[in-house]
Amino acid sequence: MSFLRTLLAFVSGAIAAILWLERQTSSRPAPPERTPPAPDPQPPAPEPDRIVERVVVPDPEQAARIEALQAELDEQRAIRTAEPTDPHPGVDAIRAARIRTLELEHELARERDDAAPRWDRIEPPAADELVDAAAEHLPRVALWVNPDSLDPPALWQTLGAMQEFAEASGGAWFEFDGDFARWCAESAHPHALDPDQPGIDNDRPTFAVEAKVNRSGQMVVPSYVQVGEQRLYYVDDVAGETGRMHVVGSG
């Protein structure tokens, strides 16, 4: 009987202890809630690349000058392209028109900013730059020879004369069409070569040419221009498919 009392007293004490612990725990203030750390600020989104467009404002005065020059150029060309039924304007009038046409073409080239400088308005390029310079400034001339062994200023003057001839030979009206040597001798053009420079090689050498000039890729080329100690052999294809003067060999 005493054992049972002792057991009951032990259980009662244990229950009382548990209840006391619960009261102590519930009476404590709850710990403050931890605020989660703020997320790192996101970097600002990159702005799209700004495209700066260059606005070209037309110059009315320049446009008027170009229009006036073009009108006079057409008028001068008409003198040289008279219809067969019209009275012949005379050799002096044709030559004067030719010279004035050249001046007008140069003035137009200066007025038009998008045009590459004419060949005669730049310094003769060095030998290692001559091929690229010819491609840029002499669009009516094709250079197929190595210029290293040639005098650059003399070669540049020769190619420039070919450019002028090709530009002047754009129509059937031109009295020297297809004869560069005669053009140099008789045109009185300021860039024409000395009449003694062009010649004909009686040995009639053969050179490789562009397929558009001759489908076979080979051609007999007797025409040449003397440049210093060298001969530059050329093909006149101004009236052909390429519309250019081709320098195809040297010797």
Protein backbone atom coordinates (compact mmCIF):
# COMPACT_ATOMS: atom_id res chain seq x y z
CA MET A 1 0.00 0.00 0.00
CA SER A 2 2.85 2.35 0.83
CA PHE A 3 4.43 1.46 -2.50
CA LEU A 4 1.32 2.53 -4.39
CA ARG A 5 1.23 5.83 -2.55
CA THR A 6 4.84 6.43 -3.38
CA LEU A 7 4.23 5.70 -7.09
CA LEU A 8 1.24 8.02 -7.22
CA ALA A 9 3.23 10.77 -5.55
CA PHE A 10 6.03 10.36 -8.10
CA VAL A 11 3.66 10.50 -11.10
CA SER A 12 1.84 13.54 -9.64
CA GLY A 13 5.20 15.32 -9.19
CA ALA A 14 6.25 14.55 -12.70
CA ILE A 15 2.95 15.90 -14.14
CA ALA A 16 3.28 19.04 -12.05
CA ALA A 17 6.82 19.57 -13.30
CA ILE A 18 5.72 19.21 -16.92
CA LEU A 19 2.88 21.70 -16.47
CA TRP A 20 5.25 24.18 -14.80
CA LEU A 21 7.68 23.95 -17.74
CA GLU A 22 4.88 24.55 -20.23
CA ARG A 23 3.74 27.66 -18.36
CA GLN A 24 7.29 28.99 -18.30
CA THR A 25 7.74 28.43 -22.00
CA SER A 26 4.44 30.00 -23.02
CA SER A 27 5.09 33.09 -20.89
CA ARG A 28 8.38 33.93 -22.73
CA PRO A 29 8.05 36.45 -25.55
CA ALA A 30 8.44 35.00 -29.02
CA PRO A 31 11.73 35.83 -30.68
CA PRO A 32 11.40 38.49 -33.37
CA GLU A 33 11.01 37.18 -36.85
CA ARG A 34 14.15 37.54 -38.93
CA THR A 35 13.65 39.77 -41.91
CA PRO A 36 15.10 38.11 -44.99
CA PRO A 37 17.94 40.11 -46.51
CA ALA A 38 16.93 42.40 -49.33
CA PRO A 39 17.88 41.02 -52.73
CA ASP A 40 20.80 42.63 -54.46
CA PRO A 41 19.61 45.43 -56.69
CA GLN A 42 19.49 44.35 -60.31
CA PRO A 43 21.82 46.29 -62.61
CA PRO A 44 19.93 48.58 -64.95
CA ALA A 45 19.12 47.04 -68.28
CA PRO A 46 21.57 48.23 -70.91
CA GLU A 47 20.15 50.77 -73.25
CA PRO A 48 20.00 49.68 -76.88
CA ASP A 49 22.79 51.00 -79.00
CA ARG A 50 21.89 54.35 -80.35
CA ILE A 51 22.13 54.55 -84.09
CA VAL A 52 23.29 57.95 -85.12
CA GLU A 53 22.13 58.61 -88.64
CA ARG A 54 23.97 61.22 -90.61
CA VAL A 55 21.54 63.55 -92.23
CA VAL A 56 22.90 65.14 -95.35
CA VAL A 57 21.37 68.53 -95.86
CA PRO A 58 21.26 69.36 -99.57
CA ASP A 59 23.11 72.48 -100.57
CA PRO A 60 20.80 74.31 -102.97
CA GLU A 61 23.63 76.45 -104.31
CA GLN A 62 25.75 73.38 -105.06
CA ALA A 63 22.79 71.66 -106.71
CA ALA A 64 22.24 74.75 -108.88
CA ARG A 65 25.91 74.82 -109.87
CA ILE A 66 25.85 71.14 -110.81
CA GLU A 67 22.69 71.63 -112.85
CA ALA A 68 24.19 74.61 -114.72
CA LEU A 69 27.44 72.75 -115.39
CA GLN A 70 25.58 69.69 -116.61
CA ALA A 71 23.44 71.81 -118.94
CA GLU A 72 26.50 73.48 -120.46
CA LEU A 73 28.26 70.11 -120.72
CA ASP A 74 25.32 68.68 -122.66
CA GLU A 75 25.39 71.72 -124.93
CA GLN A 76 29.13 71.33 -125.65
CA ARG A 77 28.73 67.61 -126.29
CA ALA A 78 25.94 68.36 -128.73
CA ILE A 79 28.39 70.42 -130.81
CA ARG A 80 30.58 67.33 -131.13
CA THR A 81 27.64 64.98 -131.80
CA ALA A 82 25.91 66.84 -134.60
CA GLU A 83 23.44 64.85 -136.66
CA PRO A 84 24.63 63.88 -140.16
CA THR A 85 21.94 66.13 -141.65
CA ASP A 86 23.11 69.18 -139.67
CA PRO A 87 25.79 71.54 -141.00
CA HIS A 88 29.26 70.56 -139.86
CA PRO A 89 30.28 72.90 -137.01
CA GLY A 90 33.86 73.06 -138.20
CA VAL A 91 37.06 71.57 -136.84
CA ASP A 92 37.89 74.59 -134.70
CA ALA A 93 34.44 74.56 -133.09
CA ILE A 94 34.73 70.84 -132.36
CA ARG A 95 38.16 71.25 -130.78
CA ALA A 96 36.98 74.21 -128.69
CA ALA A 97 33.97 72.17 -127.57
CA ARG A 98 36.26 69.28 -126.68
CA ILE A 99 38.47 71.45 -124.48
CA ARG A 100 35.49 73.08 -122.80
CA THR A 101 33.90 69.68 -122.23
CA LEU A 102 37.03 68.52 -120.44
CA GLU A 103 36.98 71.60 -118.20
CA LEU A 104 33.30 71.07 -117.39
CA GLU A 105 33.83 67.39 -116.55
CA HIS A 106 36.58 68.36 -114.12
CA GLU A 107 34.40 71.03 -112.51
CA LEU A 108 31.55 68.57 -112.11
CA ALA A 109 33.88 66.05 -110.49
CA ARG A 110 34.96 68.68 -107.95
CA GLU A 111 31.35 69.63 -107.17
CA ARG A 112 30.22 66.07 -106.60
CA ASP A 113 31.59 65.03 -103.22
CA ASP A 114 30.90 61.32 -103.77
CA ALA A 115 33.24 61.11 -106.75
CA ALA A 116 36.81 59.88 -106.32
CA PRO A 117 39.41 62.53 -107.16
CA ARG A 118 40.42 62.50 -110.79
CA TRP A 119 43.72 60.84 -111.57
CA ASP A 120 45.39 64.17 -112.47
CA ARG A 121 44.52 65.70 -109.09
CA ILE A 122 46.55 63.32 -106.96
CA GLU A 123 50.26 62.73 -106.69
CA PRO A 124 51.54 59.88 -108.86
CA PRO A 125 51.43 56.83 -106.58
CA ALA A 126 54.47 54.75 -105.73
CA ALA A 127 55.02 51.52 -107.65
CA ASP A 128 53.63 49.32 -104.85
CA GLU A 129 50.45 51.44 -104.68
CA LEU A 130 49.93 52.00 -108.37
CA VAL A 131 47.68 49.02 -109.12
CA ASP A 132 45.23 49.96 -106.35
CA ALA A 133 45.35 53.63 -107.31
CA ALA A 134 44.60 52.78 -110.94
CA ALA A 135 41.58 50.73 -109.88
CA GLU A 136 40.24 53.67 -107.87
CA HIS A 137 41.06 56.64 -110.09
CA LEU A 138 41.28 55.17 -113.59
CA PRO A 139 38.07 53.15 -114.06
CA ARG A 140 38.46 52.99 -117.85
CA VAL A 141 41.95 51.42 -117.68
CA ALA A 142 42.88 47.85 -116.76
CA LEU A 143 46.49 47.33 -115.69
CA TRP A 144 47.71 43.74 -116.08
CA VAL A 145 51.48 44.27 -115.78
CA ASN A 146 53.84 44.55 -112.82
CA PRO A 147 54.71 48.26 -112.52
CA ASP A 148 57.83 47.74 -110.38
CA SER A 149 60.27 48.17 -113.27
CA LEU A 150 58.58 51.32 -114.61
CA ASP A 151 58.93 54.96 -113.63
CA PRO A 152 55.75 55.65 -111.57
CA PRO A 153 55.14 59.26 -112.73
CA ALA A 154 55.67 58.37 -116.40
CA LEU A 155 53.46 55.29 -116.09
CA TRP A 156 50.75 57.26 -114.28
CA GLN A 157 50.77 59.90 -117.04
CA THR A 158 50.45 57.18 -119.69
CA LEU A 159 47.55 55.48 -117.93
CA GLY A 160 45.91 58.85 -117.40
CA ALA A 161 46.10 59.58 -121.12
CA MET A 162 44.39 56.24 -121.78
CA GLN A 163 41.69 57.15 -119.29
CA GLU A 164 41.06 60.46 -121.05
CA PHE A 165 40.96 58.76 -124.44
CA ALA A 166 38.49 56.14 -123.19
CA GLU A 167 36.24 58.82 -121.72
CA ALA A 168 36.33 60.81 -124.95
CA SER A 169 35.64 57.75 -127.10
CA GLY A 170 32.27 56.97 -125.60
CA GLY A 171 30.32 57.56 -128.81
CA ALA A 172 30.61 56.85 -132.51
CA TRP A 173 30.80 60.59 -133.17
CA PHE A 174 34.39 60.78 -131.96
CA GLU A 175 36.72 61.24 -134.90
CA PHE A 176 39.60 59.30 -133.25
CA ASP A 177 37.51 56.40 -131.95
CA GLY A 178 39.63 53.27 -131.84
CA ASP A 179 42.93 54.98 -132.61
CA PHE A 180 44.77 56.02 -129.46
CA ALA A 181 47.93 56.92 -131.40
CA ARG A 182 46.02 59.28 -133.68
CA TRP A 183 44.24 60.82 -130.68
CA CYS A 184 47.62 61.58 -129.09
CA ALA A 185 48.88 63.12 -132.34
CA GLU A 186 45.87 65.18 -133.39
CA SER A 187 43.44 65.82 -130.54
CA ALA A 188 45.38 68.65 -128.83
CA HIS A 189 44.12 67.21 -125.56
CA PRO A 190 46.17 68.53 -122.60
CA HIS A 191 46.80 64.98 -121.37
CA ALA A 192 47.60 63.41 -124.74
CA LEU A 193 51.00 61.71 -124.95
CA ASP A 194 53.84 62.78 -127.16
CA PRO A 195 52.99 61.52 -130.67
CA ASP A 196 56.27 59.59 -130.76
CA GLN A 197 55.34 57.42 -127.76
CA PRO A 198 52.68 55.18 -129.37
CA GLY A 199 53.86 52.70 -131.94
CA ILE A 200 53.26 49.37 -133.68
CA ASP A 201 55.44 46.32 -133.07
CA ASN A 202 55.91 44.54 -136.40
CA ASP A 203 56.79 41.31 -134.56
CA ARG A 204 53.14 41.20 -133.40
CA PRO A 205 53.66 39.63 -129.98
CA THR A 206 50.93 37.62 -128.29
CA PHE A 207 49.74 38.28 -124.72
CA ALA A 208 47.21 36.84 -122.33
CA VAL A 209 44.05 38.92 -122.22
CA GLU A 210 40.77 38.93 -120.34
CA ALA A 211 38.21 36.47 -121.73
CA LYS A 212 35.78 39.34 -122.33
CA VAL A 213 38.34 40.90 -124.66
CA ASN A 214 39.05 37.65 -126.52
CA ARG A 215 37.39 34.34 -125.71
CA SER A 216 40.57 32.39 -126.32
CA GLY A 217 42.37 34.28 -123.54
CA GLN A 218 45.20 35.09 -125.98
CA MET A 219 45.56 37.90 -128.46
CA VAL A 220 48.08 39.38 -130.88
CA VAL A 221 48.81 42.86 -129.53
CA PRO A 222 51.05 45.00 -131.74
CA SER A 223 50.07 48.40 -130.27
CA TYR A 224 52.34 49.79 -127.59
CA VAL A 225 53.33 52.99 -125.80
CA GLN A 226 56.98 53.75 -125.08
CA VAL A 227 57.49 54.56 -121.40
CA GLY A 228 61.16 55.21 -120.75
CA GLU A 229 63.04 52.12 -121.85
CA GLN A 230 59.97 49.91 -121.71
CA ARG A 231 57.15 49.23 -124.11
CA LEU A 232 53.63 48.93 -122.70
CA TYR A 233 51.44 46.84 -124.99
CA TYR A 234 47.76 47.73 -124.87
CA VAL A 235 44.41 46.61 -126.26
CA ASP A 236 41.76 49.20 -127.04
CA ASP A 237 38.45 47.62 -125.93
CA VAL A 238 36.67 50.92 -125.33
CA ALA A 239 34.01 49.98 -127.88
CA GLY A 240 33.95 46.36 -126.69
CA GLU A 241 32.35 44.51 -123.80
CA THR A 242 34.68 45.86 -121.11
CA GLY A 243 34.71 49.47 -122.30
CA ARG A 244 38.32 49.82 -121.15
CA MET A 245 41.90 50.21 -122.29
CA HIS A 246 43.86 47.08 -121.26
CA VAL A 247 47.61 47.24 -120.62
CA VAL A 248 48.49 43.58 -121.12
CA GLY A 249 52.28 43.37 -121.36
CA SER A 250 55.63 45.08 -121.27
CA GLY A 251 58.96 44.53 -122.87
